[in-house]
Amino acid sequence: MTFDEIRAEGTGIRVHGNGFIQIDLPNSKRVNVWGHSAIPRQNVATQLHDHRFDFYSFVLRGTMVNAIYRESTTRGLDPSHDVYTPQPRAGEDTVLVPFGDPARLFIRQVDAMLQGESYRMRAGDIHETFVNQPTATLMLKGDVYDMPVRVFCPRGKLPDNDFVRDQVMSEADLWQIVREVFA
């Protein structure tokens, strides 16, 4: 997929608070762009999260690493993260509100995907994504489940609910970043 194809099909472009750009495409597809230094992000990282849908992603540019976590069920372990769920604020923007008991999370597996490779993430899988270079993926949403979305914030830190995704950068500037990543 080229920049021109994405630009022609894209119906919405916005920043996600975790420091990447989302572009909506037809048929439950989305392009995500990470790793460009000009992409704004929240002051407090809340990258650990799950989804209420399965998805498949294909790495179009760059390399990405997904760390997948599990929640401990062992009694007596101190929780490592407070749990939040997103609530709508305006448009695609959300605020994080407390949700349930604190959790103790452990890394279950780490996978690296190179340009041209793909992966699947199941609904409810707690994960975070890392990149060390400009990276883009094409994501296809799968089945959607009736379950809450959870976002995990390190204990003792509050999520950055002051970050408003559609007020941090113009659409023209976002498209310029995407153009640079696909150049």
C-alpha atoms as a PDB file:
ATOM      1  CA  MET A   1       0.000   0.000   0.000  1.00  0.00           C
ATOM      2  CA  THR A   2       1.385   3.396  -1.002  1.00  0.00           C
ATOM      3  CA  PHE A   3       0.960   6.846   0.497  1.00  0.00           C
ATOM      4  CA  ASP A   4      -1.226   7.894  -2.459  1.00  0.00           C
ATOM      5  CA  GLU A   5      -3.551   4.907  -1.910  1.00  0.00           C
ATOM      6  CA  ILE A   6      -3.811   5.646   1.804  1.00  0.00           C
ATOM      7  CA  ARG A   7      -4.454   9.346   1.157  1.00  0.00           C
ATOM      8  CA  ALA A   8      -7.146   8.567  -1.430  1.00  0.00           C
ATOM      9  CA  GLU A   9      -8.977   6.021   0.774  1.00  0.00           C
ATOM     10  CA  GLY A  10      -8.385   7.591   4.211  1.00  0.00           C
ATOM     11  CA  THR A  11     -11.552   8.978   5.806  1.00  0.00           C
ATOM     12  CA  GLY A  12     -10.082  10.193   9.070  1.00  0.00           C
ATOM     13  CA  ILE A  13      -6.631  10.914  10.461  1.00  0.00           C
ATOM     14  CA  ARG A  14      -5.825  11.543  14.116  1.00  0.00           C
ATOM     15  CA  VAL A  15      -3.167  11.195  16.785  1.00  0.00           C
ATOM     16  CA  HIS A  16      -3.432   8.494  19.422  1.00  0.00           C
ATOM     17  CA  GLY A  17      -2.200   9.510  22.865  1.00  0.00           C
ATOM     18  CA  ASN A  18       0.381   6.718  22.817  1.00  0.00           C
ATOM     19  CA  GLY A  19       2.273   8.543  20.087  1.00  0.00           C
ATOM     20  CA  PHE A  20       1.084   7.163  16.772  1.00  0.00           C
ATOM     21  CA  ILE A  21      -1.159   8.264  13.923  1.00  0.00           C
ATOM     22  CA  GLN A  22      -4.371   6.423  13.033  1.00  0.00           C
ATOM     23  CA  ILE A  23      -5.932   6.590   9.552  1.00  0.00           C
ATOM     24  CA  ASP A  24      -9.342   5.009   8.977  1.00  0.00           C
ATOM     25  CA  LEU A  25      -9.864   3.105   5.732  1.00  0.00           C
ATOM     26  CA  PRO A  26     -12.968   1.361   4.330  1.00  0.00           C
ATOM     27  CA  ASN A  27     -13.912  -2.204   5.320  1.00  0.00           C
ATOM     28  CA  SER A  28     -12.758  -2.084   8.979  1.00  0.00           C
ATOM     29  CA  LYS A  29      -9.155  -1.310   8.014  1.00  0.00           C
ATOM     30  CA  ARG A  30      -6.791   1.209   9.552  1.00  0.00           C
ATOM     31  CA  VAL A  31      -3.240   2.346   8.906  1.00  0.00           C
ATOM     32  CA  ASN A  32      -1.175   3.113  12.015  1.00  0.00           C
ATOM     33  CA  VAL A  33       2.070   5.096  11.803  1.00  0.00           C
ATOM     34  CA  TRP A  34       4.628   5.086  14.647  1.00  0.00           C
ATOM     35  CA  GLY A  35       8.126   6.276  15.333  1.00  0.00           C
ATOM     36  CA  HIS A  36       8.287   9.724  13.746  1.00  0.00           C
ATOM     37  CA  SER A  37       9.760  12.247  16.193  1.00  0.00           C
ATOM     38  CA  ALA A  38       7.107  14.897  15.425  1.00  0.00           C
ATOM     39  CA  ILE A  39       4.143  12.765  16.557  1.00  0.00           C
ATOM     40  CA  PRO A  40       2.871  14.150  19.887  1.00  0.00           C
ATOM     41  CA  ARG A  41       2.105  11.863  22.816  1.00  0.00           C
ATOM     42  CA  GLN A  42       0.711  11.880  26.329  1.00  0.00           C
ATOM     43  CA  ASN A  43       3.009  12.909  29.192  1.00  0.00           C
ATOM     44  CA  VAL A  44       2.229   9.672  31.094  1.00  0.00           C
ATOM     45  CA  ALA A  45       2.498   6.604  28.871  1.00  0.00           C
ATOM     46  CA  THR A  46      -0.452   4.233  28.991  1.00  0.00           C
ATOM     47  CA  GLN A  47       0.697   1.836  26.296  1.00  0.00           C
ATOM     48  CA  LEU A  48      -0.398  -1.324  28.102  1.00  0.00           C
ATOM     49  CA  HIS A  49      -3.937  -2.040  26.924  1.00  0.00           C
ATOM     50  CA  ASP A  50      -6.281  -4.527  25.360  1.00  0.00           C
ATOM     51  CA  HIS A  51      -8.976  -4.337  22.684  1.00  0.00           C
ATOM     52  CA  ARG A  52     -12.533  -5.596  22.481  1.00  0.00           C
ATOM     53  CA  PHE A  53     -11.881  -6.869  18.957  1.00  0.00           C
ATOM     54  CA  ASP A  54      -9.516  -9.316  17.297  1.00  0.00           C
ATOM     55  CA  PHE A  55      -7.245  -7.815  14.670  1.00  0.00           C
ATOM     56  CA  TYR A  56      -4.690  -8.722  12.075  1.00  0.00           C
ATOM     57  CA  SER A  57      -1.818  -6.394  11.166  1.00  0.00           C
ATOM     58  CA  PHE A  58       0.595  -6.332   8.266  1.00  0.00           C
ATOM     59  CA  VAL A  59       3.854  -4.365   8.647  1.00  0.00           C
ATOM     60  CA  LEU A  60       4.065  -2.024   5.655  1.00  0.00           C
ATOM     61  CA  ARG A  61       7.215  -0.129   6.681  1.00  0.00           C
ATOM     62  CA  GLY A  62       9.815  -0.564   9.411  1.00  0.00           C
ATOM     63  CA  THR A  63       9.894  -3.048  12.277  1.00  0.00           C
ATOM     64  CA  MET A  64       7.728  -3.354  15.357  1.00  0.00           C
ATOM     65  CA  VAL A  65       7.885  -5.282  18.605  1.00  0.00           C
ATOM     66  CA  ASN A  66       4.820  -6.382  20.549  1.00  0.00           C
ATOM     67  CA  ALA A  67       5.124  -7.354  24.198  1.00  0.00           C
ATOM     68  CA  ILE A  68       2.164  -9.431  25.376  1.00  0.00           C
ATOM     69  CA  TYR A  69       1.388  -9.563  29.092  1.00  0.00           C
ATOM     70  CA  ARG A  70      -0.571 -11.758  31.443  1.00  0.00           C
ATOM     71  CA  GLU A  71      -2.269 -10.866  34.698  1.00  0.00           C
ATOM     72  CA  SER A  72      -1.045 -12.694  37.788  1.00  0.00           C
ATOM     73  CA  THR A  73      -3.602 -14.610  39.799  1.00  0.00           C
ATOM     74  CA  THR A  74      -1.126 -15.263  42.625  1.00  0.00           C
ATOM     75  CA  ARG A  75      -2.329 -13.901  45.936  1.00  0.00           C
ATOM     76  CA  GLY A  76      -0.033 -11.664  47.941  1.00  0.00           C
ATOM     77  CA  LEU A  77       1.763 -10.034  45.002  1.00  0.00           C
ATOM     78  CA  ASP A  78       1.625  -6.249  44.995  1.00  0.00           C
ATOM     79  CA  PRO A  79      -0.201  -4.811  41.983  1.00  0.00           C
ATOM     80  CA  SER A  80       1.978  -3.109  39.379  1.00  0.00           C
ATOM     81  CA  HIS A  81      -0.722  -1.196  37.491  1.00  0.00           C
ATOM     82  CA  ASP A  82      -3.997   0.585  38.058  1.00  0.00           C
ATOM     83  CA  VAL A  83      -6.736  -0.280  35.589  1.00  0.00           C
ATOM     84  CA  TYR A  84      -8.716   2.287  33.585  1.00  0.00           C
ATOM     85  CA  THR A  85     -11.261   2.202  30.793  1.00  0.00           C
ATOM     86  CA  PRO A  86     -11.748   4.856  28.121  1.00  0.00           C
ATOM     87  CA  GLN A  87     -14.905   6.969  28.150  1.00  0.00           C
ATOM     88  CA  PRO A  88     -15.887   9.168  25.176  1.00  0.00           C
ATOM     89  CA  ARG A  89     -15.062  12.866  25.469  1.00  0.00           C
ATOM     90  CA  ALA A  90     -15.624  14.235  21.952  1.00  0.00           C
ATOM     91  CA  GLY A  91     -15.381  12.536  18.561  1.00  0.00           C
ATOM     92  CA  GLU A  92     -12.653   9.906  18.762  1.00  0.00           C
ATOM     93  CA  ASP A  93     -11.182  11.446  21.929  1.00  0.00           C
ATOM     94  CA  THR A  94     -11.514   9.735  25.306  1.00  0.00           C
ATOM     95  CA  VAL A  95     -10.611  10.146  28.962  1.00  0.00           C
ATOM     96  CA  LEU A  96      -9.468   7.267  31.155  1.00  0.00           C
ATOM     97  CA  VAL A  97     -11.559   6.519  34.251  1.00  0.00           C
ATOM     98  CA  PRO A  98     -10.770   3.994  37.007  1.00  0.00           C
ATOM     99  CA  PHE A  99     -12.031   0.489  36.293  1.00  0.00           C
ATOM    100  CA  GLY A 100     -11.786  -2.469  38.659  1.00  0.00           C
ATOM    101  CA  ASP A 101      -9.024  -3.618  40.953  1.00  0.00           C
ATOM    102  CA  PRO A 102      -5.313  -2.956  40.382  1.00  0.00           C
ATOM    103  CA  ALA A 103      -3.454  -5.678  38.471  1.00  0.00           C
ATOM    104  CA  ARG A 104      -0.052  -7.366  38.575  1.00  0.00           C
ATOM    105  CA  LEU A 105       1.234  -7.818  35.020  1.00  0.00           C
ATOM    106  CA  PHE A 106       4.055  -9.994  33.688  1.00  0.00           C
ATOM    107  CA  ILE A 107       5.490 -10.284  30.190  1.00  0.00           C
ATOM    108  CA  ARG A 108       4.279 -13.501  28.571  1.00  0.00           C
ATOM    109  CA  GLN A 109       5.991 -13.174  25.181  1.00  0.00           C
ATOM    110  CA  VAL A 110       7.730 -10.683  22.924  1.00  0.00           C
ATOM    111  CA  ASP A 111       7.493 -10.814  19.142  1.00  0.00           C
ATOM    112  CA  ALA A 112       9.323  -8.752  16.515  1.00  0.00           C
ATOM    113  CA  MET A 113       7.736  -8.262  13.101  1.00  0.00           C
ATOM    114  CA  LEU A 114       9.718  -7.019  10.121  1.00  0.00           C
ATOM    115  CA  GLN A 115       8.445  -5.211   7.067  1.00  0.00           C
ATOM    116  CA  GLY A 116       6.311  -7.644   5.060  1.00  0.00           C
ATOM    117  CA  GLU A 117       5.354  -9.796   8.058  1.00  0.00           C
ATOM    118  CA  SER A 118       1.978 -10.009   9.755  1.00  0.00           C
ATOM    119  CA  TYR A 119       0.540 -10.941  13.129  1.00  0.00           C
ATOM    120  CA  ARG A 120      -2.760 -11.489  14.926  1.00  0.00           C
ATOM    121  CA  MET A 121      -3.876 -10.051  18.258  1.00  0.00           C
ATOM    122  CA  ARG A 122      -6.881 -11.478  20.075  1.00  0.00           C
ATOM    123  CA  ALA A 123      -9.447  -9.408  21.943  1.00  0.00           C
ATOM    124  CA  GLY A 124      -8.447  -9.125  25.597  1.00  0.00           C
ATOM    125  CA  ASP A 125      -4.710  -9.653  24.976  1.00  0.00           C
ATOM    126  CA  ILE A 126      -2.846  -7.102  27.106  1.00  0.00           C
ATOM    127  CA  HIS A 127      -0.014  -5.694  25.015  1.00  0.00           C
ATOM    128  CA  GLU A 128       2.196  -2.757  24.143  1.00  0.00           C
ATOM    129  CA  THR A 129       4.033  -1.890  20.957  1.00  0.00           C
ATOM    130  CA  PHE A 130       7.574  -0.596  20.513  1.00  0.00           C
ATOM    131  CA  VAL A 131       9.331   0.812  17.448  1.00  0.00           C
ATOM    132  CA  ASN A 132      12.808   2.302  17.019  1.00  0.00           C
ATOM    133  CA  GLN A 133      12.261   3.663  13.520  1.00  0.00           C
ATOM    134  CA  PRO A 134       9.348   5.053  11.514  1.00  0.00           C
ATOM    135  CA  THR A 135       6.957   2.123  11.115  1.00  0.00           C
ATOM    136  CA  ALA A 136       3.531   1.672   9.514  1.00  0.00           C
ATOM    137  CA  THR A 137       1.012  -1.150   9.703  1.00  0.00           C
ATOM    138  CA  LEU A 138      -2.218  -2.009   7.943  1.00  0.00           C
ATOM    139  CA  MET A 139      -4.692  -3.314  10.529  1.00  0.00           C
ATOM    140  CA  LEU A 140      -7.867  -5.274   9.792  1.00  0.00           C
ATOM    141  CA  LYS A 141     -10.409  -5.468  12.601  1.00  0.00           C
ATOM    142  CA  GLY A 142     -11.956  -8.868  13.214  1.00  0.00           C
ATOM    143  CA  ASP A 143     -14.712 -10.024  15.536  1.00  0.00           C
ATOM    144  CA  VAL A 144     -15.913  -7.517  18.151  1.00  0.00           C
ATOM    145  CA  TYR A 145     -16.850  -8.749  21.629  1.00  0.00           C
ATOM    146  CA  ASP A 146     -19.050  -7.292  24.360  1.00  0.00           C
ATOM    147  CA  MET A 147     -16.261  -6.602  26.842  1.00  0.00           C
ATOM    148  CA  PRO A 148     -14.683  -3.512  28.377  1.00  0.00           C
ATOM    149  CA  VAL A 149     -11.449  -2.075  27.022  1.00  0.00           C
ATOM    150  CA  ARG A 150      -8.748  -1.855  29.674  1.00  0.00           C
ATOM    151  CA  VAL A 151      -5.792   0.503  29.863  1.00  0.00           C
ATOM    152  CA  PHE A 152      -3.081  -0.038  32.479  1.00  0.00           C
ATOM    153  CA  CYS A 153      -1.207   2.814  34.138  1.00  0.00           C
ATOM    154  CA  PRO A 154       1.782   2.250  36.449  1.00  0.00           C
ATOM    155  CA  ARG A 155       0.799   2.449  40.114  1.00  0.00           C
ATOM    156  CA  GLY A 156       1.301   5.924  41.553  1.00  0.00           C
ATOM    157  CA  LYS A 157       0.851   7.696  38.207  1.00  0.00           C
ATOM    158  CA  LEU A 158      -2.352   9.151  36.820  1.00  0.00           C
ATOM    159  CA  PRO A 159      -3.199   8.945  33.115  1.00  0.00           C
ATOM    160  CA  ASP A 160      -2.727  12.101  31.069  1.00  0.00           C
ATOM    161  CA  ASN A 161      -6.377  13.070  30.537  1.00  0.00           C
ATOM    162  CA  ASP A 162      -5.291  16.598  29.514  1.00  0.00           C
ATOM    163  CA  PHE A 163      -4.082  15.254  26.144  1.00  0.00           C
ATOM    164  CA  VAL A 164      -6.744  16.032  23.512  1.00  0.00           C
ATOM    165  CA  ARG A 165      -5.925  14.140  20.351  1.00  0.00           C
ATOM    166  CA  ASP A 166      -7.560  16.455  17.821  1.00  0.00           C
ATOM    167  CA  GLN A 167      -6.016  19.627  19.260  1.00  0.00           C
ATOM    168  CA  VAL A 168      -2.339  18.692  19.129  1.00  0.00           C
ATOM    169  CA  MET A 169      -1.586  18.787  15.392  1.00  0.00           C
ATOM    170  CA  SER A 170      -3.328  19.761  12.160  1.00  0.00           C
ATOM    171  CA  GLU A 171      -4.493  17.157   9.644  1.00  0.00           C
ATOM    172  CA  ALA A 172      -2.107  18.642   7.067  1.00  0.00           C
ATOM    173  CA  ASP A 173       0.853  18.148   9.431  1.00  0.00           C
ATOM    174  CA  LEU A 174      -0.244  14.572  10.191  1.00  0.00           C
ATOM    175  CA  TRP A 175      -0.478  13.754   6.479  1.00  0.00           C
ATOM    176  CA  GLN A 176       3.010  15.226   5.980  1.00  0.00           C
ATOM    177  CA  ILE A 177       4.402  12.838   8.616  1.00  0.00           C
ATOM    178  CA  VAL A 178       2.698   9.891   6.918  1.00  0.00           C
ATOM    179  CA  ARG A 179       4.117  11.020   3.549  1.00  0.00           C
ATOM    180  CA  GLU A 180       7.635  11.089   5.068  1.00  0.00           C
ATOM    181  CA  VAL A 181       7.279   7.596   6.557  1.00  0.00           C
ATOM    182  CA  PHE A 182       6.201   6.190   3.161  1.00  0.00           C
ATOM    183  CA  ALA A 183       8.827   8.132   1.156  1.00  0.00           C
END
